[in-house]
Amino acid sequence: MKSIIILFAGLCLTIILQAQVNKTVAVSAGKLKTLLTETELSTVTHLTLTGTIDARDIGTISEMHLLDNLDMSGTTIAAYNDTLTPYPFYYPENTIPSKSY
């Protein structure tokens, strides 16, 4: 009986952990990280963005390790001039950078 309860609890936990977490965010360039909670950054699996994003937001997206589905069809990618790091870099508009701020 005890093993059946443990098996059932394990199956329930697996189902809960694999649940989809959807989030839609209207964003201004560079503000995505401020619009998501720490919990959302670590649990969102499906993200829809609208508005304007830049390289900083792409960096935030790359930190979302459970993200499985990303819809950026409602966004525009703005240019970003990174002058805060020791090696300034320019990220052009309408380009998804390979490395992000």
PDB file of N, CA and C in Angstrom:
ATOM      1  N   MET A   1       0.826  -1.187   0.000  1.00  0.00           N
ATOM      2  CA  MET A   1       0.000   0.000   0.000  1.00  0.00           C
ATOM      3  C   MET A   1       0.872   1.252   0.000  1.00  0.00           C
ATOM      4  N   LYS A   2       1.925   1.226   0.826  1.00  0.00           N
ATOM      5  CA  LYS A   2       2.817   2.372   0.920  1.00  0.00           C
ATOM      6  C   LYS A   2       3.499   2.645  -0.424  1.00  0.00           C
ATOM      7  N   SER A   3       3.899   1.589  -1.126  1.00  0.00           N
ATOM      8  CA  SER A   3       4.568   1.769  -2.412  1.00  0.00           C
ATOM      9  C   SER A   3       3.608   2.321  -3.466  1.00  0.00           C
ATOM     10  N   ILE A   4       2.342   1.987  -3.391  1.00  0.00           N
ATOM     11  CA  ILE A   4       1.348   2.520  -4.330  1.00  0.00           C
ATOM     12  C   ILE A   4       1.162   4.018  -4.099  1.00  0.00           C
ATOM     13  N   ILE A   5       1.139   4.444  -2.857  1.00  0.00           N
ATOM     14  CA  ILE A   5       1.002   5.865  -2.533  1.00  0.00           C
ATOM     15  C   ILE A   5       2.221   6.641  -3.022  1.00  0.00           C
ATOM     16  N   ILE A   6       3.399   6.093  -2.819  1.00  0.00           N
ATOM     17  CA  ILE A   6       4.623   6.747  -3.276  1.00  0.00           C
ATOM     18  C   ILE A   6       4.639   6.833  -4.791  1.00  0.00           C
ATOM     19  N   LEU A   7       4.225   5.768  -5.478  1.00  0.00           N
ATOM     20  CA  LEU A   7       4.164   5.778  -6.937  1.00  0.00           C
ATOM     21  C   LEU A   7       3.171   6.828  -7.429  1.00  0.00           C
ATOM     22  N   PHE A   8       2.017   6.897  -6.818  1.00  0.00           N
ATOM     23  CA  PHE A   8       0.995   7.881  -7.189  1.00  0.00           C
ATOM     24  C   PHE A   8       1.507   9.307  -6.968  1.00  0.00           C
ATOM     25  N   ALA A   9       2.165   9.548  -5.836  1.00  0.00           N
ATOM     26  CA  ALA A   9       2.712  10.875  -5.535  1.00  0.00           C
ATOM     27  C   ALA A   9       3.788  11.252  -6.558  1.00  0.00           C
ATOM     28  N   GLY A  10       4.603  10.303  -6.925  1.00  0.00           N
ATOM     29  CA  GLY A  10       5.646  10.552  -7.930  1.00  0.00           C
ATOM     30  C   GLY A  10       5.058  10.895  -9.284  1.00  0.00           C
ATOM     31  N   LEU A  11       4.005  10.190  -9.691  1.00  0.00           N
ATOM     32  CA  LEU A  11       3.347  10.487 -10.963  1.00  0.00           C
ATOM     33  C   LEU A  11       2.704  11.868 -10.950  1.00  0.00           C
ATOM     34  N   CYS A  12       2.067  12.217  -9.850  1.00  0.00           N
ATOM     35  CA  CYS A  12       1.444  13.543  -9.726  1.00  0.00           C
ATOM     36  C   CYS A  12       2.498  14.637  -9.804  1.00  0.00           C
ATOM     37  N   LEU A  13       3.620  14.444  -9.135  1.00  0.00           N
ATOM     38  CA  LEU A  13       4.697  15.423  -9.155  1.00  0.00           C
ATOM     39  C   LEU A  13       5.257  15.593 -10.566  1.00  0.00           C
ATOM     40  N   THR A  14       5.413  14.502 -11.281  1.00  0.00           N
ATOM     41  CA  THR A  14       5.898  14.563 -12.659  1.00  0.00           C
ATOM     42  C   THR A  14       4.948  15.362 -13.534  1.00  0.00           C
ATOM     43  N   ILE A  15       3.674  15.134 -13.395  1.00  0.00           N
ATOM     44  CA  ILE A  15       2.672  15.859 -14.182  1.00  0.00           C
ATOM     45  C   ILE A  15       2.705  17.343 -13.847  1.00  0.00           C
ATOM     46  N   ILE A  16       2.805  17.686 -12.586  1.00  0.00           N
ATOM     47  CA  ILE A  16       2.845  19.084 -12.163  1.00  0.00           C
ATOM     48  C   ILE A  16       4.089  19.769 -12.707  1.00  0.00           C
ATOM     49  N   LEU A  17       5.224  19.104 -12.644  1.00  0.00           N
ATOM     50  CA  LEU A  17       6.469  19.713 -13.100  1.00  0.00           C
ATOM     51  C   LEU A  17       6.501  19.916 -14.606  1.00  0.00           C
ATOM     52  N   GLN A  18       5.732  19.131 -15.354  1.00  0.00           N
ATOM     53  CA  GLN A  18       5.721  19.250 -16.802  1.00  0.00           C
ATOM     54  C   GLN A  18       4.600  20.147 -17.306  1.00  0.00           C
ATOM     55  N   ALA A  19       3.893  20.808 -16.436  1.00  0.00           N
ATOM     56  CA  ALA A  19       2.779  21.661 -16.825  1.00  0.00           C
ATOM     57  C   ALA A  19       3.286  22.885 -17.574  1.00  0.00           C
ATOM     58  N   GLN A  20       2.506  23.331 -18.534  1.00  0.00           N
ATOM     59  CA  GLN A  20       2.815  24.539 -19.279  1.00  0.00           C
ATOM     60  C   GLN A  20       2.553  25.758 -18.417  1.00  0.00           C
ATOM     61  N   VAL A  21       3.438  26.715 -18.504  1.00  0.00           N
ATOM     62  CA  VAL A  21       3.229  28.002 -17.857  1.00  0.00           C
ATOM     63  C   VAL A  21       3.297  29.048 -18.959  1.00  0.00           C
ATOM     64  N   ASN A  22       2.159  29.664 -19.259  1.00  0.00           N
ATOM     65  CA  ASN A  22       2.054  30.653 -20.337  1.00  0.00           C
ATOM     66  C   ASN A  22       2.148  32.059 -19.775  1.00  0.00           C
ATOM     67  N   LYS A  23       2.797  32.937 -20.525  1.00  0.00           N
ATOM     68  CA  LYS A  23       2.901  34.341 -20.124  1.00  0.00           C
ATOM     69  C   LYS A  23       2.930  35.200 -21.382  1.00  0.00           C
ATOM     70  N   THR A  24       2.130  36.266 -21.384  1.00  0.00           N
ATOM     71  CA  THR A  24       2.148  37.257 -22.454  1.00  0.00           C
ATOM     72  C   THR A  24       2.577  38.575 -21.837  1.00  0.00           C
ATOM     73  N   VAL A  25       3.546  39.243 -22.472  1.00  0.00           N
ATOM     74  CA  VAL A  25       4.100  40.473 -21.921  1.00  0.00           C
ATOM     75  C   VAL A  25       4.182  41.541 -23.005  1.00  0.00           C
ATOM     76  N   ALA A  26       3.659  42.734 -22.703  1.00  0.00           N
ATOM     77  CA  ALA A  26       3.858  43.917 -23.541  1.00  0.00           C
ATOM     78  C   ALA A  26       5.107  44.604 -22.991  1.00  0.00           C
ATOM     79  N   VAL A  27       6.144  44.704 -23.808  1.00  0.00           N
ATOM     80  CA  VAL A  27       7.455  45.129 -23.314  1.00  0.00           C
ATOM     81  C   VAL A  27       7.967  46.348 -24.067  1.00  0.00           C
ATOM     82  N   SER A  28       8.752  47.159 -23.367  1.00  0.00           N
ATOM     83  CA  SER A  28       9.533  48.237 -23.964  1.00  0.00           C
ATOM     84  C   SER A  28      10.981  47.785 -23.964  1.00  0.00           C
ATOM     85  N   ALA A  29      11.758  48.243 -24.916  1.00  0.00           N
ATOM     86  CA  ALA A  29      13.140  47.795 -25.078  1.00  0.00           C
ATOM     87  C   ALA A  29      13.919  47.833 -23.767  1.00  0.00           C
ATOM     88  N   GLY A  30      14.513  46.695 -23.418  1.00  0.00           N
ATOM     89  CA  GLY A  30      15.359  46.587 -22.242  1.00  0.00           C
ATOM     90  C   GLY A  30      14.631  46.356 -20.934  1.00  0.00           C
ATOM     91  N   LYS A  31      13.317  46.216 -20.946  1.00  0.00           N
ATOM     92  CA  LYS A  31      12.541  46.140 -19.703  1.00  0.00           C
ATOM     93  C   LYS A  31      11.981  44.757 -19.375  1.00  0.00           C
ATOM     94  N   LEU A  32      12.235  43.750 -20.207  1.00  0.00           N
ATOM     95  CA  LEU A  32      11.622  42.438 -19.985  1.00  0.00           C
ATOM     96  C   LEU A  32      11.938  41.886 -18.601  1.00  0.00           C
ATOM     97  N   LYS A  33      13.184  41.980 -18.182  1.00  0.00           N
ATOM     98  CA  LYS A  33      13.569  41.394 -16.892  1.00  0.00           C
ATOM     99  C   LYS A  33      12.817  42.041 -15.728  1.00  0.00           C
ATOM    100  N   THR A  34      12.449  43.307 -15.858  1.00  0.00           N
ATOM    101  CA  THR A  34      11.715  43.987 -14.786  1.00  0.00           C
ATOM    102  C   THR A  34      10.232  43.636 -14.801  1.00  0.00           C
ATOM    103  N   LEU A  35       9.752  43.079 -15.898  1.00  0.00           N
ATOM    104  CA  LEU A  35       8.335  42.745 -16.028  1.00  0.00           C
ATOM    105  C   LEU A  35       8.017  41.305 -15.629  1.00  0.00           C
ATOM    106  N   LEU A  36       9.047  40.508 -15.395  1.00  0.00           N
ATOM    107  CA  LEU A  36       8.870  39.108 -14.990  1.00  0.00           C
ATOM    108  C   LEU A  36       9.391  38.923 -13.571  1.00  0.00           C
ATOM    109  N   THR A  37       8.685  38.142 -12.787  1.00  0.00           N
ATOM    110  CA  THR A  37       9.163  37.825 -11.441  1.00  0.00           C
ATOM    111  C   THR A  37      10.259  36.762 -11.539  1.00  0.00           C
ATOM    112  N   GLU A  38      10.990  36.569 -10.462  1.00  0.00           N
ATOM    113  CA  GLU A  38      12.007  35.510 -10.431  1.00  0.00           C
ATOM    114  C   GLU A  38      11.374  34.144 -10.682  1.00  0.00           C
ATOM    115  N   THR A  39      10.182  33.934 -10.131  1.00  0.00           N
ATOM    116  CA  THR A  39       9.476  32.672 -10.348  1.00  0.00           C
ATOM    117  C   THR A  39       9.135  32.496 -11.815  1.00  0.00           C
ATOM    118  N   GLU A  40       8.642  33.541 -12.463  1.00  0.00           N
ATOM    119  CA  GLU A  40       8.307  33.448 -13.886  1.00  0.00           C
ATOM    120  C   GLU A  40       9.545  33.188 -14.734  1.00  0.00           C
ATOM    121  N   LEU A  41      10.651  33.820 -14.394  1.00  0.00           N
ATOM    122  CA  LEU A  41      11.888  33.594 -15.147  1.00  0.00           C
ATOM    123  C   LEU A  41      12.307  32.129 -15.108  1.00  0.00           C
ATOM    124  N   SER A  42      11.975  31.446 -14.020  1.00  0.00           N
ATOM    125  CA  SER A  42      12.401  30.052 -13.885  1.00  0.00           C
ATOM    126  C   SER A  42      11.310  29.032 -14.191  1.00  0.00           C
ATOM    127  N   THR A  43      10.068  29.479 -14.479  1.00  0.00           N
ATOM    128  CA  THR A  43       8.998  28.502 -14.712  1.00  0.00           C
ATOM    129  C   THR A  43       8.250  28.664 -16.033  1.00  0.00           C
ATOM    130  N   VAL A  44       8.321  29.815 -16.668  1.00  0.00           N
ATOM    131  CA  VAL A  44       7.550  30.032 -17.898  1.00  0.00           C
ATOM    132  C   VAL A  44       8.061  29.120 -19.008  1.00  0.00           C
ATOM    133  N   THR A  45       7.126  28.430 -19.652  1.00  0.00           N
ATOM    134  CA  THR A  45       7.474  27.532 -20.759  1.00  0.00           C
ATOM    135  C   THR A  45       7.029  28.096 -22.109  1.00  0.00           C
ATOM    136  N   HIS A  46       6.001  28.947 -22.114  1.00  0.00           N
ATOM    137  CA  HIS A  46       5.471  29.546 -23.345  1.00  0.00           C
ATOM    138  C   HIS A  46       5.375  31.054 -23.148  1.00  0.00           C
ATOM    139  N   LEU A  47       6.160  31.809 -23.917  1.00  0.00           N
ATOM    140  CA  LEU A  47       6.225  33.256 -23.757  1.00  0.00           C
ATOM    141  C   LEU A  47       5.818  33.940 -25.055  1.00  0.00           C
ATOM    142  N   THR A  48       4.890  34.895 -24.942  1.00  0.00           N
ATOM    143  CA  THR A  48       4.484  35.724 -26.075  1.00  0.00           C
ATOM    144  C   THR A  48       4.849  37.159 -25.742  1.00  0.00           C
ATOM    145  N   LEU A  49       5.601  37.794 -26.641  1.00  0.00           N
ATOM    146  CA  LEU A  49       6.025  39.172 -26.444  1.00  0.00           C
ATOM    147  C   LEU A  49       5.381  40.081 -27.475  1.00  0.00           C
ATOM    148  N   THR A  50       5.007  41.273 -27.042  1.00  0.00           N
ATOM    149  CA  THR A  50       4.544  42.321 -27.949  1.00  0.00           C
ATOM    150  C   THR A  50       5.283  43.594 -27.572  1.00  0.00           C
ATOM    151  N   GLY A  51       5.454  44.487 -28.534  1.00  0.00           N
ATOM    152  CA  GLY A  51       6.127  45.754 -28.275  1.00  0.00           C
ATOM    153  C   GLY A  51       7.507  45.774 -28.882  1.00  0.00           C
ATOM    154  N   THR A  52       8.428  46.415 -28.186  1.00  0.00           N
ATOM    155  CA  THR A  52       9.794  46.584 -28.676  1.00  0.00           C
ATOM    156  C   THR A  52      10.769  45.920 -27.712  1.00  0.00           C
ATOM    157  N   ILE A  53      11.708  45.158 -28.264  1.00  0.00           N
ATOM    158  CA  ILE A  53      12.744  44.508 -27.459  1.00  0.00           C
ATOM    159  C   ILE A  53      14.103  44.912 -28.005  1.00  0.00           C
ATOM    160  N   ASP A  54      15.155  44.614 -27.238  1.00  0.00           N
ATOM    161  CA  ASP A  54      16.518  44.818 -27.721  1.00  0.00           C
ATOM    162  C   ASP A  54      17.411  43.698 -27.181  1.00  0.00           C
ATOM    163  N   ALA A  55      18.720  43.855 -27.348  1.00  0.00           N
ATOM    164  CA  ALA A  55      19.667  42.802 -26.959  1.00  0.00           C
ATOM    165  C   ALA A  55      19.564  42.443 -25.482  1.00  0.00           C
ATOM    166  N   ARG A  56      19.230  43.391 -24.628  1.00  0.00           N
ATOM    167  CA  ARG A  56      19.093  43.092 -23.198  1.00  0.00           C
ATOM    168  C   ARG A  56      17.942  42.120 -22.961  1.00  0.00           C
ATOM    169  N   ASP A  57      16.864  42.285 -23.721  1.00  0.00           N
ATOM    170  CA  ASP A  57      15.712  41.387 -23.571  1.00  0.00           C
ATOM    171  C   ASP A  57      16.028  39.994 -24.122  1.00  0.00           C
ATOM    172  N   ILE A  58      16.795  39.944 -25.204  1.00  0.00           N
ATOM    173  CA  ILE A  58      17.231  38.641 -25.739  1.00  0.00           C
ATOM    174  C   ILE A  58      18.076  37.932 -24.681  1.00  0.00           C
ATOM    175  N   GLY A  59      18.906  38.680 -23.962  1.00  0.00           N
ATOM    176  CA  GLY A  59      19.689  38.104 -22.868  1.00  0.00           C
ATOM    177  C   GLY A  59      18.805  37.534 -21.778  1.00  0.00           C
ATOM    178  N   THR A  60      17.732  38.250 -21.452  1.00  0.00           N
ATOM    179  CA  THR A  60      16.784  37.759 -20.443  1.00  0.00           C
ATOM    180  C   THR A  60      16.127  36.475 -20.923  1.00  0.00           C
ATOM    181  N   ILE A  61      15.715  36.442 -22.176  1.00  0.00           N
ATOM    182  CA  ILE A  61      15.091  35.241 -22.742  1.00  0.00           C
ATOM    183  C   ILE A  61      16.049  34.050 -22.644  1.00  0.00           C
ATOM    184  N   SER A  62      17.330  34.296 -22.903  1.00  0.00           N
ATOM    185  CA  SER A  62      18.305  33.195 -22.870  1.00  0.00           C
ATOM    186  C   SER A  62      18.499  32.635 -21.461  1.00  0.00           C
ATOM    187  N   GLU A  63      18.089  33.383 -20.437  1.00  0.00           N
ATOM    188  CA  GLU A  63      18.183  32.918 -19.052  1.00  0.00           C
ATOM    189  C   GLU A  63      16.979  32.068 -18.637  1.00  0.00           C
ATOM    190  N   MET A  64      15.959  32.004 -19.475  1.00  0.00           N
ATOM    191  CA  MET A  64      14.726  31.279 -19.139  1.00  0.00           C
ATOM    192  C   MET A  64      14.871  29.827 -19.601  1.00  0.00           C
ATOM    193  N   HIS A  65      15.430  29.013 -18.736  1.00  0.00           N
ATOM    194  CA  HIS A  65      15.839  27.661 -19.109  1.00  0.00           C
ATOM    195  C   HIS A  65      14.699  26.683 -19.396  1.00  0.00           C
ATOM    196  N   LEU A  66      13.493  26.950 -18.922  1.00  0.00           N
ATOM    197  CA  LEU A  66      12.364  26.067 -19.224  1.00  0.00           C
ATOM    198  C   LEU A  66      11.560  26.544 -20.430  1.00  0.00           C
ATOM    199  N   LEU A  67      11.953  27.667 -21.012  1.00  0.00           N
ATOM    200  CA  LEU A  67      11.218  28.219 -22.143  1.00  0.00           C
ATOM    201  C   LEU A  67      11.265  27.255 -23.318  1.00  0.00           C
ATOM    202  N   ASP A  68      10.088  26.868 -23.779  1.00  0.00           N
ATOM    203  CA  ASP A  68       9.964  25.890 -24.852  1.00  0.00           C
ATOM    204  C   ASP A  68       9.367  26.504 -26.115  1.00  0.00           C
ATOM    205  N   ASN A  69       8.576  27.563 -25.943  1.00  0.00           N
ATOM    206  CA  ASN A  69       7.886  28.181 -27.067  1.00  0.00           C
ATOM    207  C   ASN A  69       7.952  29.695 -26.902  1.00  0.00           C
ATOM    208  N   LEU A  70       8.485  30.381 -27.924  1.00  0.00           N
ATOM    209  CA  LEU A  70       8.632  31.832 -27.882  1.00  0.00           C
ATOM    210  C   LEU A  70       7.968  32.437 -29.104  1.00  0.00           C
ATOM    211  N   ASP A  71       7.014  33.342 -28.881  1.00  0.00           N
ATOM    212  CA  ASP A  71       6.336  34.047 -29.964  1.00  0.00           C
ATOM    213  C   ASP A  71       6.733  35.512 -29.898  1.00  0.00           C
ATOM    214  N   MET A  72       7.563  35.947 -30.841  1.00  0.00           N
ATOM    215  CA  MET A  72       7.988  37.340 -30.931  1.00  0.00           C
ATOM    216  C   MET A  72       7.398  38.014 -32.163  1.00  0.00           C
ATOM    217  N   SER A  73       6.359  37.415 -32.736  1.00  0.00           N
ATOM    218  CA  SER A  73       5.796  37.950 -33.981  1.00  0.00           C
ATOM    219  C   SER A  73       5.208  39.345 -33.805  1.00  0.00           C
ATOM    220  N   GLY A  74       4.871  39.727 -32.588  1.00  0.00           N
ATOM    221  CA  GLY A  74       4.319  41.051 -32.327  1.00  0.00           C
ATOM    222  C   GLY A  74       5.348  42.042 -31.815  1.00  0.00           C
ATOM    223  N   THR A  75       6.631  41.764 -32.066  1.00  0.00           N
ATOM    224  CA  THR A  75       7.679  42.654 -31.557  1.00  0.00           C
ATOM    225  C   THR A  75       8.495  43.271 -32.677  1.00  0.00           C
ATOM    226  N   THR A  76       9.145  44.337 -32.329  1.00  0.00           N
ATOM    227  CA  THR A  76      10.160  44.967 -33.164  1.00  0.00           C
ATOM    228  C   THR A  76      11.449  44.926 -32.354  1.00  0.00           C
ATOM    229  N   ILE A  77      12.560  44.614 -33.012  1.00  0.00           N
ATOM    230  CA  ILE A  77      13.844  44.563 -32.322  1.00  0.00           C
ATOM    231  C   ILE A  77      14.566  45.883 -32.562  1.00  0.00           C
ATOM    232  N   ALA A  78      14.773  46.636 -31.484  1.00  0.00           N
ATOM    233  CA  ALA A  78      15.439  47.936 -31.568  1.00  0.00           C
ATOM    234  C   ALA A  78      16.953  47.764 -31.463  1.00  0.00           C
ATOM    235  N   ALA A  79      17.673  48.737 -31.997  1.00  0.00           N
ATOM    236  CA  ALA A  79      19.121  48.755 -31.853  1.00  0.00           C
ATOM    237  C   ALA A  79      19.464  49.030 -30.387  1.00  0.00           C
ATOM    238  N   TYR A  80      20.622  48.540 -29.972  1.00  0.00           N
ATOM    239  CA  TYR A  80      21.081  48.799 -28.614  1.00  0.00           C
ATOM    240  C   TYR A  80      22.587  49.007 -28.645  1.00  0.00           C
ATOM    241  N   ASN A  81      23.026  50.096 -28.038  1.00  0.00           N
ATOM    242  CA  ASN A  81      24.451  50.412 -27.961  1.00  0.00           C
ATOM    243  C   ASN A  81      24.907  50.142 -26.536  1.00  0.00           C
ATOM    244  N   ASP A  82      25.603  49.059 -26.337  1.00  0.00           N
ATOM    245  CA  ASP A  82      26.069  48.643 -25.011  1.00  0.00           C
ATOM    246  C   ASP A  82      27.324  49.429 -24.658  1.00  0.00           C
ATOM    247  N   THR A  83      27.175  50.430 -23.820  1.00  0.00           N
ATOM    248  CA  THR A  83      28.324  51.233 -23.390  1.00  0.00           C
ATOM    249  C   THR A  83      28.644  50.997 -21.919  1.00  0.00           C
ATOM    250  N   LEU A  84      27.953  50.059 -21.284  1.00  0.00           N
ATOM    251  CA  LEU A  84      28.133  49.816 -19.853  1.00  0.00           C
ATOM    252  C   LEU A  84      29.212  48.786 -19.542  1.00  0.00           C
ATOM    253  N   THR A  85      29.673  48.079 -20.547  1.00  0.00           N
ATOM    254  CA  THR A  85      30.682  47.044 -20.322  1.00  0.00           C
ATOM    255  C   THR A  85      32.054  47.559 -20.754  1.00  0.00           C
ATOM    256  N   PRO A  86      33.112  46.891 -20.342  1.00  0.00           N
ATOM    257  CA  PRO A  86      34.462  47.340 -20.736  1.00  0.00           C
ATOM    258  C   PRO A  86      34.688  47.316 -22.257  1.00  0.00           C
ATOM    259  N   TYR A  87      33.907  46.508 -22.962  1.00  0.00           N
ATOM    260  CA  TYR A  87      34.049  46.398 -24.413  1.00  0.00           C
ATOM    261  C   TYR A  87      32.732  46.781 -25.073  1.00  0.00           C
ATOM    262  N   PRO A  88      32.514  48.086 -25.307  1.00  0.00           N
ATOM    263  CA  PRO A  88      31.245  48.526 -25.903  1.00  0.00           C
ATOM    264  C   PRO A  88      30.958  47.799 -27.214  1.00  0.00           C
ATOM    265  N   PHE A  89      29.679  47.524 -27.436  1.00  0.00           N
ATOM    266  CA  PHE A  89      29.277  46.815 -28.645  1.00  0.00           C
ATOM    267  C   PHE A  89      27.930  47.362 -29.113  1.00  0.00           C
ATOM    268  N   TYR A  90      27.763  47.426 -30.409  1.00  0.00           N
ATOM    269  CA  TYR A  90      26.514  47.904 -31.005  1.00  0.00           C
ATOM    270  C   TYR A  90      25.720  46.716 -31.536  1.00  0.00           C
ATOM    271  N   TYR A  91      24.465  46.615 -31.117  1.00  0.00           N
ATOM    272  CA  TYR A  91      23.562  45.574 -31.597  1.00  0.00           C
ATOM    273  C   TYR A  91      22.564  46.247 -32.549  1.00  0.00           C
ATOM    274  N   PRO A  92      22.597  45.927 -33.835  1.00  0.00           N
ATOM    275  CA  PRO A  92      21.717  46.609 -34.792  1.00  0.00           C
ATOM    276  C   PRO A  92      20.243  46.217 -34.642  1.00  0.00           C
ATOM    277  N   GLU A  93      19.376  47.065 -35.148  1.00  0.00           N
ATOM    278  CA  GLU A  93      17.938  46.792 -35.102  1.00  0.00           C
ATOM    279  C   GLU A  93      17.584  45.615 -36.006  1.00  0.00           C
ATOM    280  N   ASN A  94      16.463  45.000 -35.702  1.00  0.00           N
ATOM    281  CA  ASN A  94      15.923  43.870 -36.463  1.00  0.00           C
ATOM    282  C   ASN A  94      16.900  42.718 -36.613  1.00  0.00           C
ATOM    283  N   THR A  95      17.758  42.546 -35.625  1.00  0.00           N
ATOM    284  CA  THR A  95      18.737  41.454 -35.617  1.00  0.00           C
ATOM    285  C   THR A  95      18.709  40.789 -34.253  1.00  0.00           C
ATOM    286  N   ILE A  96      18.668  39.461 -34.250  1.00  0.00           N
ATOM    287  CA  ILE A  96      18.768  38.719 -32.987  1.00  0.00           C
ATOM    288  C   ILE A  96      20.257  38.453 -32.773  1.00  0.00           C
ATOM    289  N   PRO A  97      20.825  39.055 -31.733  1.00  0.00           N
ATOM    290  CA  PRO A  97      22.257  38.902 -31.512  1.00  0.00           C
ATOM    291  C   PRO A  97      22.641  37.501 -31.066  1.00  0.00           C
ATOM    292  N   SER A  98      23.830  37.069 -31.482  1.00  0.00           N
ATOM    293  CA  SER A  98      24.302  35.755 -31.040  1.00  0.00           C
ATOM    294  C   SER A  98      24.753  35.817 -29.586  1.00  0.00           C
ATOM    295  N   LYS A  99      25.241  36.963 -29.162  1.00  0.00           N
ATOM    296  CA  LYS A  99      25.579  37.205 -27.754  1.00  0.00           C
ATOM    297  C   LYS A  99      24.796  38.426 -27.333  1.00  0.00           C
ATOM    298  N   SER A 100      24.253  38.380 -26.143  1.00  0.00           N
ATOM    299  CA  SER A 100      23.412  39.474 -25.689  1.00  0.00           C
ATOM    300  C   SER A 100      23.887  40.049 -24.388  1.00  0.00           C
ATOM    301  N   TYR A 101      23.498  41.267 -24.136  1.00  0.00           N
ATOM    302  CA  TYR A 101      23.836  41.975 -22.914  1.00  0.00           C
ATOM    303  C   TYR A 101      23.171  41.331 -21.739  1.00  0.00           C
TER     304      TYR A 101
END
